[in-house]
Amino acid sequence: MNEIISYCVSLLFLARLSAGDVKEKAVPVFSVVFFALSAIFYQIVTGQFSWNEAGWNIFPGCVLLLLAFLTKENIGYGDGMTVLAFGLWTGGWFTLAVVCIGVMLSGIWAMVCIFRKKTEPIPFIPFLLLGMEVALLYV
């Protein structure tokens, strides 16, 4: 039951952030911080919180934050923070699967944009949302 709640909350959160990411090409930091803190609070209340597990769960987000730094924000910090908070809700392995699927889907979209000669930035959070839906159906 706790897993279903985590997935539902995560889907709603990503859906909310996707709309803003597409329109404004930015992620509201307050929403991401609230999402992360609510995950920690939820895990403490349900008796599932562990520092070791939390460390692994945020690992994919930390990797994206490092990539954002190394690429001078070609991958946005907001995307890394979102994946970090997402990992607190869904777990490290599931988050890693969702990020991999999201990267593949965004790569396909990037190829479409290249053929159409569009050069605007591609929002990543909608691809995380699609990646989560694919992962829930097939992983």
C-alpha atoms as a PDB file:
ATOM      1  CA  MET A   1       0.000   0.000   0.000  1.00  0.00           C
ATOM      2  CA  ASN A   2       2.820   2.422   0.827  1.00  0.00           C
ATOM      3  CA  GLU A   3       4.375   1.812  -2.583  1.00  0.00           C
ATOM      4  CA  ILE A   4       1.127   2.688  -4.348  1.00  0.00           C
ATOM      5  CA  ILE A   5       0.842   5.920  -2.372  1.00  0.00           C
ATOM      6  CA  SER A   6       4.440   6.825  -3.214  1.00  0.00           C
ATOM      7  CA  TYR A   7       3.905   6.212  -6.924  1.00  0.00           C
ATOM      8  CA  CYS A   8       0.637   8.171  -7.005  1.00  0.00           C
ATOM      9  CA  VAL A   9       2.146  11.154  -5.192  1.00  0.00           C
ATOM     10  CA  SER A  10       5.166  11.045  -7.505  1.00  0.00           C
ATOM     11  CA  LEU A  11       3.009  10.921 -10.636  1.00  0.00           C
ATOM     12  CA  LEU A  12       0.972  13.914  -9.469  1.00  0.00           C
ATOM     13  CA  PHE A  13       4.126  15.826  -8.570  1.00  0.00           C
ATOM     14  CA  LEU A  14       5.784  15.166 -11.930  1.00  0.00           C
ATOM     15  CA  ALA A  15       2.588  16.073 -13.776  1.00  0.00           C
ATOM     16  CA  ARG A  16       2.411  19.383 -11.908  1.00  0.00           C
ATOM     17  CA  LEU A  17       6.049  20.189 -12.601  1.00  0.00           C
ATOM     18  CA  SER A  18       5.841  19.109 -16.249  1.00  0.00           C
ATOM     19  CA  ALA A  19       3.378  21.839 -17.132  1.00  0.00           C
ATOM     20  CA  GLY A  20       5.588  24.516 -15.637  1.00  0.00           C
ATOM     21  CA  ASP A  21       8.730  23.062 -17.182  1.00  0.00           C
ATOM     22  CA  VAL A  22       7.208  23.127 -20.670  1.00  0.00           C
ATOM     23  CA  LYS A  23       5.820  26.675 -20.348  1.00  0.00           C
ATOM     24  CA  GLU A  24       8.537  28.453 -18.379  1.00  0.00           C
ATOM     25  CA  LYS A  25      11.568  26.172 -18.931  1.00  0.00           C
ATOM     26  CA  ALA A  26      12.133  26.368 -15.167  1.00  0.00           C
ATOM     27  CA  VAL A  27      11.397  24.257 -12.102  1.00  0.00           C
ATOM     28  CA  PRO A  28      10.087  25.966  -8.933  1.00  0.00           C
ATOM     29  CA  VAL A  29      12.604  25.201  -6.188  1.00  0.00           C
ATOM     30  CA  PHE A  30      10.034  25.592  -3.399  1.00  0.00           C
ATOM     31  CA  SER A  31       7.862  22.826  -4.879  1.00  0.00           C
ATOM     32  CA  VAL A  32      10.812  20.444  -5.195  1.00  0.00           C
ATOM     33  CA  VAL A  33      11.998  21.122  -1.636  1.00  0.00           C
ATOM     34  CA  PHE A  34       8.454  20.627  -0.320  1.00  0.00           C
ATOM     35  CA  PHE A  35       8.203  17.350  -2.256  1.00  0.00           C
ATOM     36  CA  ALA A  36      11.508  16.094  -0.809  1.00  0.00           C
ATOM     37  CA  LEU A  37      10.654  17.095   2.770  1.00  0.00           C
ATOM     38  CA  SER A  38       7.214  15.520   2.499  1.00  0.00           C
ATOM     39  CA  ALA A  39       8.852  12.257   1.368  1.00  0.00           C
ATOM     40  CA  ILE A  40      11.118  12.250   4.411  1.00  0.00           C
ATOM     41  CA  PHE A  41       8.180  13.096   6.695  1.00  0.00           C
ATOM     42  CA  TYR A  42       6.056  10.332   5.120  1.00  0.00           C
ATOM     43  CA  GLN A  43       8.809   7.759   5.580  1.00  0.00           C
ATOM     44  CA  ILE A  44       9.375   8.773   9.202  1.00  0.00           C
ATOM     45  CA  VAL A  45       5.649   8.551   9.962  1.00  0.00           C
ATOM     46  CA  THR A  46       5.343   5.123   8.335  1.00  0.00           C
ATOM     47  CA  GLY A  47       8.521   3.882  10.031  1.00  0.00           C
ATOM     48  CA  GLN A  48      10.429   3.303   6.789  1.00  0.00           C
ATOM     49  CA  PHE A  49      13.097   6.006   7.018  1.00  0.00           C
ATOM     50  CA  SER A  50      16.740   4.983   7.020  1.00  0.00           C
ATOM     51  CA  TRP A  51      19.739   7.230   6.320  1.00  0.00           C
ATOM     52  CA  ASN A  52      21.495   4.491   4.342  1.00  0.00           C
ATOM     53  CA  GLU A  53      18.518   3.905   2.102  1.00  0.00           C
ATOM     54  CA  ALA A  54      17.914   7.639   1.693  1.00  0.00           C
ATOM     55  CA  GLY A  55      21.528   8.024   0.579  1.00  0.00           C
ATOM     56  CA  TRP A  56      21.082   5.433  -2.150  1.00  0.00           C
ATOM     57  CA  ASN A  57      17.680   6.826  -3.156  1.00  0.00           C
ATOM     58  CA  ILE A  58      19.102  10.285  -3.866  1.00  0.00           C
ATOM     59  CA  PHE A  59      22.101   8.931  -5.799  1.00  0.00           C
ATOM     60  CA  PRO A  60      20.548   9.294  -9.321  1.00  0.00           C
ATOM     61  CA  GLY A  61      19.625  12.902  -8.500  1.00  0.00           C
ATOM     62  CA  CYS A  62      23.149  13.621  -7.257  1.00  0.00           C
ATOM     63  CA  VAL A  63      24.546  12.262 -10.531  1.00  0.00           C
ATOM     64  CA  LEU A  64      22.253  14.579 -12.508  1.00  0.00           C
ATOM     65  CA  LEU A  65      23.280  17.530 -10.332  1.00  0.00           C
ATOM     66  CA  LEU A  66      26.935  16.701 -11.021  1.00  0.00           C
ATOM     67  CA  LEU A  67      26.191  16.490 -14.758  1.00  0.00           C
ATOM     68  CA  ALA A  68      24.414  19.849 -14.566  1.00  0.00           C
ATOM     69  CA  PHE A  69      27.534  21.340 -13.016  1.00  0.00           C
ATOM     70  CA  LEU A  70      29.917  19.693 -15.500  1.00  0.00           C
ATOM     71  CA  THR A  71      27.843  20.651 -18.564  1.00  0.00           C
ATOM     72  CA  LYS A  72      27.342  24.226 -17.346  1.00  0.00           C
ATOM     73  CA  GLU A  73      23.626  23.598 -16.967  1.00  0.00           C
ATOM     74  CA  ASN A  74      22.838  21.942 -20.292  1.00  0.00           C
ATOM     75  CA  ILE A  75      21.070  19.589 -17.939  1.00  0.00           C
ATOM     76  CA  GLY A  76      19.336  21.894 -15.485  1.00  0.00           C
ATOM     77  CA  TYR A  77      19.852  21.922 -11.741  1.00  0.00           C
ATOM     78  CA  GLY A  78      16.074  21.778 -11.380  1.00  0.00           C
ATOM     79  CA  ASP A  79      16.019  18.446 -13.188  1.00  0.00           C
ATOM     80  CA  GLY A  80      18.645  17.048 -10.821  1.00  0.00           C
ATOM     81  CA  MET A  81      16.816  18.344  -7.757  1.00  0.00           C
ATOM     82  CA  THR A  82      13.563  16.880  -9.055  1.00  0.00           C
ATOM     83  CA  VAL A  83      15.152  13.455  -9.567  1.00  0.00           C
ATOM     84  CA  LEU A  84      16.702  13.716  -6.102  1.00  0.00           C
ATOM     85  CA  ALA A  85      13.297  14.350  -4.510  1.00  0.00           C
ATOM     86  CA  PHE A  86      11.674  11.746  -6.757  1.00  0.00           C
ATOM     87  CA  GLY A  87      14.165   9.161  -5.516  1.00  0.00           C
ATOM     88  CA  LEU A  88      13.165   9.804  -1.923  1.00  0.00           C
ATOM     89  CA  TRP A  89       9.615   8.825  -2.805  1.00  0.00           C
ATOM     90  CA  THR A  90      10.151   5.888  -5.159  1.00  0.00           C
ATOM     91  CA  GLY A  91      13.538   4.381  -4.306  1.00  0.00           C
ATOM     92  CA  GLY A  92      16.903   4.299  -6.019  1.00  0.00           C
ATOM     93  CA  TRP A  93      16.447   1.432  -8.480  1.00  0.00           C
ATOM     94  CA  PHE A  94      13.061   2.593  -9.708  1.00  0.00           C
ATOM     95  CA  THR A  95      14.350   6.156 -10.029  1.00  0.00           C
ATOM     96  CA  LEU A  96      17.335   4.936 -12.010  1.00  0.00           C
ATOM     97  CA  ALA A  97      15.026   3.028 -14.367  1.00  0.00           C
ATOM     98  CA  VAL A  98      12.763   6.079 -14.803  1.00  0.00           C
ATOM     99  CA  VAL A  99      15.723   8.369 -15.502  1.00  0.00           C
ATOM    100  CA  CYS A 100      17.150   5.938 -18.078  1.00  0.00           C
ATOM    101  CA  ILE A 101      13.799   5.661 -19.828  1.00  0.00           C
ATOM    102  CA  GLY A 102      13.371   9.447 -19.673  1.00  0.00           C
ATOM    103  CA  VAL A 103      16.818  10.016 -21.181  1.00  0.00           C
ATOM    104  CA  MET A 104      16.032   7.606 -24.029  1.00  0.00           C
ATOM    105  CA  LEU A 105      12.687   9.267 -24.717  1.00  0.00           C
ATOM    106  CA  SER A 106      14.195  12.757 -24.610  1.00  0.00           C
ATOM    107  CA  GLY A 107      16.923  11.572 -26.981  1.00  0.00           C
ATOM    108  CA  ILE A 108      14.275  10.450 -29.459  1.00  0.00           C
ATOM    109  CA  TRP A 109      12.573  13.835 -29.134  1.00  0.00           C
ATOM    110  CA  ALA A 110      15.932  15.576 -29.610  1.00  0.00           C
ATOM    111  CA  MET A 111      16.393  13.708 -32.886  1.00  0.00           C
ATOM    112  CA  VAL A 112      12.950  14.899 -34.015  1.00  0.00           C
ATOM    113  CA  CYS A 113      13.922  18.464 -33.074  1.00  0.00           C
ATOM    114  CA  ILE A 114      17.194  18.179 -35.002  1.00  0.00           C
ATOM    115  CA  PHE A 115      15.347  17.066 -38.132  1.00  0.00           C
ATOM    116  CA  ARG A 116      12.868  19.930 -37.709  1.00  0.00           C
ATOM    117  CA  LYS A 117      15.748  22.387 -37.182  1.00  0.00           C
ATOM    118  CA  LYS A 118      14.484  23.516 -33.754  1.00  0.00           C
ATOM    119  CA  THR A 119      17.134  24.732 -31.336  1.00  0.00           C
ATOM    120  CA  GLU A 120      15.201  25.620 -28.204  1.00  0.00           C
ATOM    121  CA  PRO A 121      15.935  23.799 -24.912  1.00  0.00           C
ATOM    122  CA  ILE A 122      14.100  20.539 -24.272  1.00  0.00           C
ATOM    123  CA  PRO A 123      12.322  20.261 -20.890  1.00  0.00           C
ATOM    124  CA  PHE A 124      13.298  17.006 -19.172  1.00  0.00           C
ATOM    125  CA  ILE A 125      10.572  16.605 -16.530  1.00  0.00           C
ATOM    126  CA  PRO A 126       7.825  15.652 -19.019  1.00  0.00           C
ATOM    127  CA  PHE A 127      10.108  12.826 -20.148  1.00  0.00           C
ATOM    128  CA  LEU A 128      10.513  11.758 -16.519  1.00  0.00           C
ATOM    129  CA  LEU A 129       6.733  11.624 -16.276  1.00  0.00           C
ATOM    130  CA  LEU A 130       6.524   9.502 -19.428  1.00  0.00           C
ATOM    131  CA  GLY A 131       9.413   7.380 -18.179  1.00  0.00           C
ATOM    132  CA  MET A 132       7.594   6.739 -14.918  1.00  0.00           C
ATOM    133  CA  GLU A 133       4.444   5.723 -16.744  1.00  0.00           C
ATOM    134  CA  VAL A 134       6.426   3.338 -18.961  1.00  0.00           C
ATOM    135  CA  ALA A 135       8.265   1.942 -15.930  1.00  0.00           C
ATOM    136  CA  LEU A 136       5.016   1.371 -14.032  1.00  0.00           C
ATOM    137  CA  LEU A 137       3.596  -0.521 -16.989  1.00  0.00           C
ATOM    138  CA  TYR A 138       6.614  -2.604 -17.956  1.00  0.00           C
ATOM    139  CA  VAL A 139       9.216  -2.741 -15.148  1.00  0.00           C
END
